C-alpha atoms as a PDB file:
ATOM      1  CA  UNK A   1      -1.014   6.799 -14.157  1.00  0.00           C
ATOM      2  CA  UNK A   2      -1.044  10.423 -13.050  1.00  0.00           C
ATOM      3  CA  UNK A   3       0.083  11.487  -9.582  1.00  0.00           C
ATOM      4  CA  UNK A   4      -3.421  12.105  -8.204  1.00  0.00           C
ATOM      5  CA  UNK A   5      -4.619   8.606  -9.129  1.00  0.00           C
ATOM      6  CA  UNK A   6      -1.402   7.182  -7.672  1.00  0.00           C
ATOM      7  CA  UNK A   7      -2.015   9.037  -4.400  1.00  0.00           C
ATOM      8  CA  UNK A   8      -5.585   7.756  -4.163  1.00  0.00           C
ATOM      9  CA  UNK A   9      -4.502   4.178  -4.827  1.00  0.00           C
ATOM     10  CA  UNK A  10      -1.627   4.423  -2.335  1.00  0.00           C
ATOM     11  CA  UNK A  11      -3.958   5.852   0.308  1.00  0.00           C
ATOM     12  CA  UNK A  12      -6.463   3.061  -0.236  1.00  0.00           C
ATOM     13  CA  UNK A  13      -3.665   0.473  -0.010  1.00  0.00           C
ATOM     14  CA  UNK A  14      -2.268   1.954   3.204  1.00  0.00           C
ATOM     15  CA  UNK A  15      -5.670   2.175   4.888  1.00  0.00           C
ATOM     16  CA  UNK A  16      -7.341  -1.034   3.692  1.00  0.00           C
ATOM     17  CA  UNK A  17      -4.548  -3.566   4.040  1.00  0.00           C
ATOM     18  CA  UNK A  18      -3.017  -4.732   7.289  1.00  0.00           C
ATOM     19  CA  UNK A  19       0.505  -3.690   6.274  1.00  0.00           C
ATOM     20  CA  UNK A  20       2.194  -1.315   8.720  1.00  0.00           C
ATOM     21  CA  UNK A  21       4.082   1.747   7.505  1.00  0.00           C
ATOM     22  CA  UNK A  22       7.603   0.402   8.283  1.00  0.00           C
ATOM     23  CA  UNK A  23       6.780  -2.812   6.387  1.00  0.00           C
ATOM     24  CA  UNK A  24       5.530  -0.884   3.342  1.00  0.00           C
ATOM     25  CA  UNK A  25       8.572   1.412   3.481  1.00  0.00           C
ATOM     26  CA  UNK A  26      10.987  -1.555   3.633  1.00  0.00           C
ATOM     27  CA  UNK A  27       9.144  -3.281   0.783  1.00  0.00           C
ATOM     28  CA  UNK A  28       9.269  -0.155  -1.424  1.00  0.00           C
ATOM     29  CA  UNK A  29      12.981   0.347  -0.736  1.00  0.00           C
ATOM     30  CA  UNK A  30      13.678  -3.273  -1.667  1.00  0.00           C
ATOM     31  CA  UNK A  31      11.752  -2.728  -4.915  1.00  0.00           C
ATOM     32  CA  UNK A  32      14.115   0.177  -5.625  1.00  0.00           C
ATOM     33  CA  UNK A  33      17.165  -2.022  -4.978  1.00  0.00           C
ATOM     34  CA  UNK A  34      18.135  -0.814  -1.488  1.00  0.00           C
ATOM     35  CA  UNK A  35      19.089  -3.082   1.373  1.00  0.00           C
ATOM     36  CA  UNK A  36      17.281  -2.981   4.704  1.00  0.00           C
ATOM     37  CA  UNK A  37      18.759  -0.603   7.239  1.00  0.00           C
ATOM     38  CA  UNK A  38      18.013   0.514  10.779  1.00  0.00           C
ATOM     39  CA  UNK A  39      16.179   3.660   9.633  1.00  0.00           C
ATOM     40  CA  UNK A  40      13.532   1.501   7.964  1.00  0.00           C
ATOM     41  CA  UNK A  41      12.224   0.456  11.378  1.00  0.00           C
ATOM     42  CA  UNK A  42      11.476   4.092  12.234  1.00  0.00           C
ATOM     43  CA  UNK A  43       9.689   4.934   8.998  1.00  0.00           C
ATOM     44  CA  UNK A  44       6.488   6.867   9.465  1.00  0.00           C
ATOM     45  CA  UNK A  45       3.283   6.699   7.441  1.00  0.00           C
ATOM     46  CA  UNK A  46       4.209   9.650   5.227  1.00  0.00           C
ATOM     47  CA  UNK A  47       7.566   8.066   4.283  1.00  0.00           C
ATOM     48  CA  UNK A  48       5.887   4.850   3.175  1.00  0.00           C
ATOM     49  CA  UNK A  49       3.087   6.718   1.417  1.00  0.00           C
ATOM     50  CA  UNK A  50       5.537   8.910  -0.529  1.00  0.00           C
ATOM     51  CA  UNK A  51       7.581   5.965  -1.799  1.00  0.00           C
ATOM     52  CA  UNK A  52       4.458   3.998  -2.675  1.00  0.00           C
ATOM     53  CA  UNK A  53       3.058   6.907  -4.714  1.00  0.00           C
ATOM     54  CA  UNK A  54       6.293   7.189  -6.695  1.00  0.00           C
ATOM     55  CA  UNK A  55       6.359   3.464  -7.466  1.00  0.00           C
ATOM     56  CA  UNK A  56       2.686   3.389  -8.456  1.00  0.00           C
ATOM     57  CA  UNK A  57       3.006   6.453 -10.696  1.00  0.00           C
ATOM     58  CA  UNK A  58       6.149   5.071 -12.337  1.00  0.00           C
ATOM     59  CA  UNK A  59       5.001   1.543 -13.162  1.00  0.00           C
ATOM     60  CA  UNK A  60       1.625   0.476 -14.537  1.00  0.00           C
ATOM     61  CA  UNK A  61       2.433  -3.152 -13.694  1.00  0.00           C
ATOM     62  CA  UNK A  62       3.144  -2.271 -10.060  1.00  0.00           C
ATOM     63  CA  UNK A  63      -0.018  -0.141  -9.951  1.00  0.00           C
ATOM     64  CA  UNK A  64      -2.077  -3.064 -11.265  1.00  0.00           C
ATOM     65  CA  UNK A  65      -0.682  -5.321  -8.524  1.00  0.00           C
ATOM     66  CA  UNK A  66      -1.534  -2.754  -5.850  1.00  0.00           C
ATOM     67  CA  UNK A  67      -5.026  -2.310  -7.323  1.00  0.00           C
ATOM     68  CA  UNK A  68      -5.563  -6.093  -7.101  1.00  0.00           C
ATOM     69  CA  UNK A  69      -4.462  -6.105  -3.454  1.00  0.00           C
ATOM     70  CA  UNK A  70      -6.806  -3.203  -2.678  1.00  0.00           C
ATOM     71  CA  UNK A  71      -9.711  -5.006  -4.383  1.00  0.00           C
ATOM     72  CA  UNK A  72      -9.061  -8.147  -2.308  1.00  0.00           C
ATOM     73  CA  UNK A  73      -8.840  -6.100   0.907  1.00  0.00           C
ATOM     74  CA  UNK A  74     -12.118  -4.339   0.064  1.00  0.00           C
ATOM     75  CA  UNK A  75     -13.812  -7.647  -0.687  1.00  0.00           C
ATOM     76  CA  UNK A  76     -12.560  -9.141   2.602  1.00  0.00           C
ATOM     77  CA  UNK A  77     -13.669  -6.124   4.626  1.00  0.00           C
ATOM     78  CA  UNK A  78     -17.128  -6.299   3.016  1.00  0.00           C
ATOM     79  CA  UNK A  79     -17.423  -9.983   3.935  1.00  0.00           C
ATOM     80  CA  UNK A  80     -16.426  -9.164   7.514  1.00  0.00           C
ATOM     81  CA  UNK A  81     -18.990  -6.373   7.744  1.00  0.00           C
ATOM     82  CA  UNK A  82     -21.719  -8.631   6.338  1.00  0.00           C
ATOM     83  CA  UNK A  83     -20.801 -11.303   8.864  1.00  0.00           C
ATOM     84  CA  UNK A  84     -21.137  -8.814  11.697  1.00  0.00           C
ATOM     85  CA  UNK A  85     -24.516  -7.646  10.417  1.00  0.00           C
ATOM     86  CA  UNK A  86     -25.874 -11.205  10.304  1.00  0.00           C
ATOM     87  CA  UNK A  87     -24.550 -12.103  13.778  1.00  0.00           C
END
């Protein structure tokens, strides 16, 4: 996957799911083999986004997993919006 597609997918993941930036940052660092540290709690959105883009661009399997999570989040948000429209 090229870097632009990885950035789009990472952006969609960060905005559609309920995962906070420090959680995504910690998760990405664990995927890279690092242990949790105090700095992880202060991670900002751009830190998490940058690591997520690198992991998505590097691994097609990881990218497919993220794409599945984004699809589920989109489907759930559509159901919520439809429920609000009916109510």
